Amino acid sequence: MHVPASSPPRPPRGFSLIEILLVLSIASILMTLSVSSVQKMIHSTDLTSSAVTVVDAFNLARQQALSSNHPVEVRVYKVPPKNGTSLSGSSAFRALGVYQINENGPQLVNKLIYLNGNTEIAATQSFGTLLFYAPSLTASLPGVASNSPCEYRSFQYHPDGSTDLNPQPPSASDTWHVMIYNADKPPTDSMPPANYISVQLDPVSGRTETFQPGM
């Protein structure tokens, strides 16, 4: 009986160069989309937490004025980004201090408060009337090693909870407000960025409201 010779086993087929390049291209696209999605989520989180920081600082100042029966000043400092305990980079309005005005002068109520991530506070006429119309002053930052004075803008709460801002905003169609935005997507002269949060301050009651596009 004749037994046919068996053919040798074929070696396993490998991937072609085109298949490898295709897989690498898909992986690169997925990685790019993932990084972009994570960055957007981080920016959104930083923006929200920074807006909460601003509102909390305003509310703290108002409550301190009511409870102490002293005027309380809110200062918004123009400082570089904070990296750990040091400051480096380009300056912007991103730090807040709350000061009780006593007989011996202003006294810091709490430690200086910094915005999160790469967020900033607008000081333009269109998007930051609260800072734009405030006088520009300088002072050394408390708790910072460098003694170089920094620019700041400020307003005060009275012991009854109202502010020293004019009850009538700069124009009939405007309000006292600040805009918080991500520094990599700043507003232009007349156009707001795609994502931002505005904090509006009632000069008479001293209370705040927040507004965010799409919310």
Protein backbone atom coordinates (compact mmCIF):
# COMPACT_ATOMS: atom_id res chain seq x y z
CA MET A 1 0.00 0.00 0.00
CA HIS A 2 1.39 3.34 -1.03
CA VAL A 3 1.41 6.02 1.67
CA PRO A 4 1.61 9.55 0.27
CA ALA A 5 4.44 11.64 1.60
CA SER A 6 3.26 14.31 4.00
CA SER A 7 4.06 17.91 3.09
CA PRO A 8 6.24 19.82 5.55
CA PRO A 9 4.29 22.17 7.89
CA ARG A 10 4.05 25.75 6.73
CA PRO A 11 5.76 28.31 8.93
CA PRO A 12 3.34 30.70 10.69
CA ARG A 13 2.50 33.71 8.59
CA GLY A 14 3.92 37.00 9.95
CA PHE A 15 2.52 40.51 9.65
CA SER A 16 3.23 42.42 6.50
CA LEU A 17 4.80 45.87 6.64
CA ILE A 18 1.52 47.44 5.51
CA GLU A 19 -0.40 45.73 8.33
CA ILE A 20 2.14 46.90 10.93
CA LEU A 21 1.99 50.48 9.64
CA LEU A 22 -1.80 50.38 9.69
CA VAL A 23 -1.88 49.20 13.31
CA LEU A 24 0.64 51.87 14.32
CA SER A 25 -1.39 54.56 12.56
CA ILE A 26 -4.60 53.53 14.34
CA ALA A 27 -2.80 53.40 17.70
CA SER A 28 -1.36 56.88 17.09
CA ILE A 29 -4.79 58.30 16.25
CA LEU A 30 -6.35 56.73 19.35
CA MET A 31 -3.54 58.04 21.54
CA THR A 32 -3.92 61.57 20.12
CA LEU A 33 -7.67 61.52 20.74
CA SER A 34 -7.15 60.21 24.26
CA VAL A 35 -4.57 62.88 25.13
CA SER A 36 -6.81 65.62 23.72
CA SER A 37 -9.78 64.32 25.70
CA VAL A 38 -7.76 64.19 28.92
CA GLN A 39 -6.43 67.72 28.36
CA LYS A 40 -9.95 69.07 27.83
CA MET A 41 -11.12 67.35 31.00
CA ILE A 42 -8.19 68.80 33.00
CA HIS A 43 -8.80 72.31 31.62
CA SER A 44 -12.50 72.07 32.43
CA THR A 45 -11.77 70.87 35.96
CA ASP A 46 -9.21 73.66 36.52
CA LEU A 47 -11.67 76.24 35.23
CA THR A 48 -14.47 75.07 37.51
CA SER A 49 -12.28 74.84 40.60
CA SER A 50 -10.76 78.28 39.92
CA ALA A 51 -14.20 79.85 39.60
CA VAL A 52 -15.14 78.25 42.93
CA THR A 53 -11.93 79.71 44.40
CA VAL A 54 -12.89 83.23 43.28
CA VAL A 55 -16.45 82.93 44.59
CA ASP A 56 -15.22 81.48 47.89
CA ALA A 57 -12.76 84.37 48.32
CA PHE A 58 -15.52 86.93 47.70
CA ASN A 59 -17.88 85.15 50.09
CA LEU A 60 -15.17 84.87 52.75
CA ALA A 61 -14.50 88.61 52.52
CA ARG A 62 -18.19 89.46 52.80
CA GLN A 63 -18.71 87.13 55.76
CA GLN A 64 -15.60 88.49 57.48
CA ALA A 65 -16.86 92.06 57.08
CA LEU A 66 -20.25 91.12 58.54
CA SER A 67 -18.84 89.20 61.51
CA SER A 68 -15.96 91.54 62.39
CA ASN A 69 -17.77 94.83 61.78
CA HIS A 70 -14.68 95.99 59.86
CA PRO A 71 -14.16 96.73 56.18
CA VAL A 72 -12.56 93.82 54.31
CA GLU A 73 -10.56 94.19 51.13
CA VAL A 74 -10.23 91.67 48.31
CA ARG A 75 -6.97 91.96 46.39
CA VAL A 76 -6.40 90.23 43.06
CA TYR A 77 -2.65 89.96 42.46
CA LYS A 78 -0.84 89.79 39.12
CA VAL A 79 1.69 87.01 39.68
CA PRO A 80 3.57 84.28 37.77
CA PRO A 81 2.25 80.71 37.97
CA LYS A 82 2.98 78.95 41.24
CA ASN A 83 5.14 75.83 40.99
CA GLY A 84 5.24 74.33 44.45
CA THR A 85 6.53 77.12 46.67
CA SER A 86 8.11 79.26 43.94
CA LEU A 87 6.75 81.62 41.30
CA SER A 88 8.07 81.62 37.74
CA GLY A 89 6.82 82.52 34.27
CA SER A 90 4.70 85.32 32.87
CA SER A 91 2.50 87.27 35.27
CA ALA A 92 -1.29 87.36 35.18
CA PHE A 93 -4.12 87.95 37.66
CA ARG A 94 -4.23 84.56 39.35
CA ALA A 95 -3.89 85.07 43.13
CA LEU A 96 -6.33 86.48 45.68
CA GLY A 97 -5.89 87.83 49.18
CA VAL A 98 -8.56 88.77 51.72
CA TYR A 99 -7.56 91.54 54.17
CA GLN A 100 -9.43 92.88 57.17
CA ILE A 101 -8.91 96.63 57.50
CA ASN A 102 -8.05 97.30 61.13
CA GLU A 103 -6.87 100.42 62.96
CA ASN A 104 -3.25 99.42 62.25
CA GLY A 105 -3.88 98.69 58.57
CA PRO A 106 -4.81 95.66 56.46
CA GLN A 107 -4.34 92.20 57.97
CA LEU A 108 -4.43 89.04 55.88
CA VAL A 109 -7.42 86.92 56.95
CA ASN A 110 -6.20 83.69 55.38
CA LYS A 111 -3.23 82.59 53.33
CA LEU A 112 -2.96 83.81 49.74
CA ILE A 113 -5.20 81.84 47.36
CA TYR A 114 -4.00 80.77 43.89
CA LEU A 115 -6.10 79.70 40.93
CA ASN A 116 -5.73 76.13 39.71
CA GLY A 117 -3.72 75.03 36.70
CA ASN A 118 -3.18 77.56 33.93
CA THR A 119 -6.28 79.65 34.60
CA GLU A 120 -6.34 83.44 34.82
CA ILE A 121 -8.73 86.27 35.70
CA ALA A 122 -9.54 88.79 32.97
CA ALA A 123 -8.91 92.47 33.59
CA THR A 124 -10.22 93.89 30.30
CA GLN A 125 -13.06 96.35 29.87
CA SER A 126 -15.19 93.78 28.04
CA PHE A 127 -14.61 90.77 30.29
CA GLY A 128 -13.30 92.05 33.62
CA THR A 129 -14.89 95.33 34.72
CA LEU A 130 -14.22 94.52 38.38
CA LEU A 131 -10.46 94.72 37.77
CA PHE A 132 -10.36 97.04 34.78
CA TYR A 133 -11.88 99.99 36.65
CA ALA A 134 -10.04 99.36 39.93
CA PRO A 135 -6.88 101.38 40.65
CA SER A 136 -3.58 99.62 40.02
CA LEU A 137 -1.45 99.36 43.19
CA THR A 138 1.60 97.33 44.23
CA ALA A 139 2.51 95.37 47.34
CA SER A 140 4.78 92.49 48.38
CA LEU A 141 3.15 89.07 48.38
CA PRO A 142 2.67 87.53 51.82
CA GLY A 143 4.29 84.14 52.27
CA VAL A 144 6.51 84.43 49.17
CA ALA A 145 10.29 84.49 49.49
CA SER A 146 10.79 87.16 46.82
CA ASN A 147 10.14 90.63 48.17
CA SER A 148 9.45 92.14 44.76
CA PRO A 149 6.18 94.09 44.81
CA CYS A 150 3.37 92.80 42.60
CA GLU A 151 0.58 94.72 40.94
CA TYR A 152 -2.89 94.19 42.33
CA ARG A 153 -6.44 95.49 41.92
CA SER A 154 -8.88 95.60 44.83
CA PHE A 155 -12.34 96.41 46.15
CA GLN A 156 -13.81 96.39 49.66
CA TYR A 157 -16.79 94.98 51.52
CA HIS A 158 -18.47 97.21 54.10
CA PRO A 159 -19.55 95.82 57.52
CA ASP A 160 -23.14 95.63 56.21
CA GLY A 161 -22.07 93.25 53.40
CA SER A 162 -22.25 95.80 50.60
CA THR A 163 -19.21 96.85 48.55
CA ASP A 164 -17.46 100.13 47.80
CA LEU A 165 -18.25 99.67 44.09
CA ASN A 166 -20.53 102.19 42.41
CA PRO A 167 -24.11 100.81 42.48
CA GLN A 168 -24.33 101.84 38.84
CA PRO A 169 -21.94 99.75 36.69
CA PRO A 170 -19.69 101.54 34.16
CA SER A 171 -22.43 101.32 31.53
CA ALA A 172 -26.15 100.63 31.67
CA SER A 173 -25.76 97.30 29.85
CA ASP A 174 -22.80 96.10 31.91
CA THR A 175 -22.18 94.52 35.34
CA TRP A 176 -19.38 94.25 37.85
CA HIS A 177 -17.78 90.96 36.90
CA VAL A 178 -14.63 88.97 36.23
CA MET A 179 -14.01 86.19 33.72
CA ILE A 180 -11.98 83.08 34.54
CA TYR A 181 -10.44 81.37 31.51
CA ASN A 182 -7.64 79.01 30.49
CA ALA A 183 -4.49 80.92 29.52
CA ASP A 184 -3.92 78.88 26.35
CA LYS A 185 -7.30 80.06 25.02
CA PRO A 186 -7.65 83.70 26.13
CA PRO A 187 -10.41 86.10 25.07
CA THR A 188 -9.75 88.59 22.29
CA ASP A 189 -10.76 92.24 22.40
CA SER A 190 -14.43 91.50 21.80
CA MET A 191 -14.76 87.72 21.60
CA PRO A 192 -14.85 85.46 24.67
CA PRO A 193 -13.08 82.09 24.55
CA ALA A 194 -15.08 78.94 23.88
CA ASN A 195 -14.99 77.93 27.52
CA TYR A 196 -15.01 80.33 30.45
CA ILE A 197 -16.85 81.17 33.66
CA SER A 198 -17.93 84.68 34.64
CA VAL A 199 -18.44 85.72 38.25
CA GLN A 200 -20.84 88.65 38.63
CA LEU A 201 -20.86 90.73 41.81
CA ASP A 202 -23.87 92.70 43.04
CA PRO A 203 -22.34 95.91 44.46
CA VAL A 204 -25.23 96.57 46.87
CA SER A 205 -25.82 93.12 48.38
CA GLY A 206 -22.26 91.90 47.87
CA ARG A 207 -23.52 88.54 46.61
CA THR A 208 -22.18 86.69 43.58
CA GLU A 209 -23.57 84.76 40.64
CA THR A 210 -21.71 82.58 38.19
CA PHE A 211 -22.38 82.16 34.47
CA GLN A 212 -20.91 79.58 32.10
CA PRO A 213 -21.72 79.22 28.38
CA GLY A 214 -23.87 76.20 27.67
CA MET A 215 -24.86 75.76 31.31
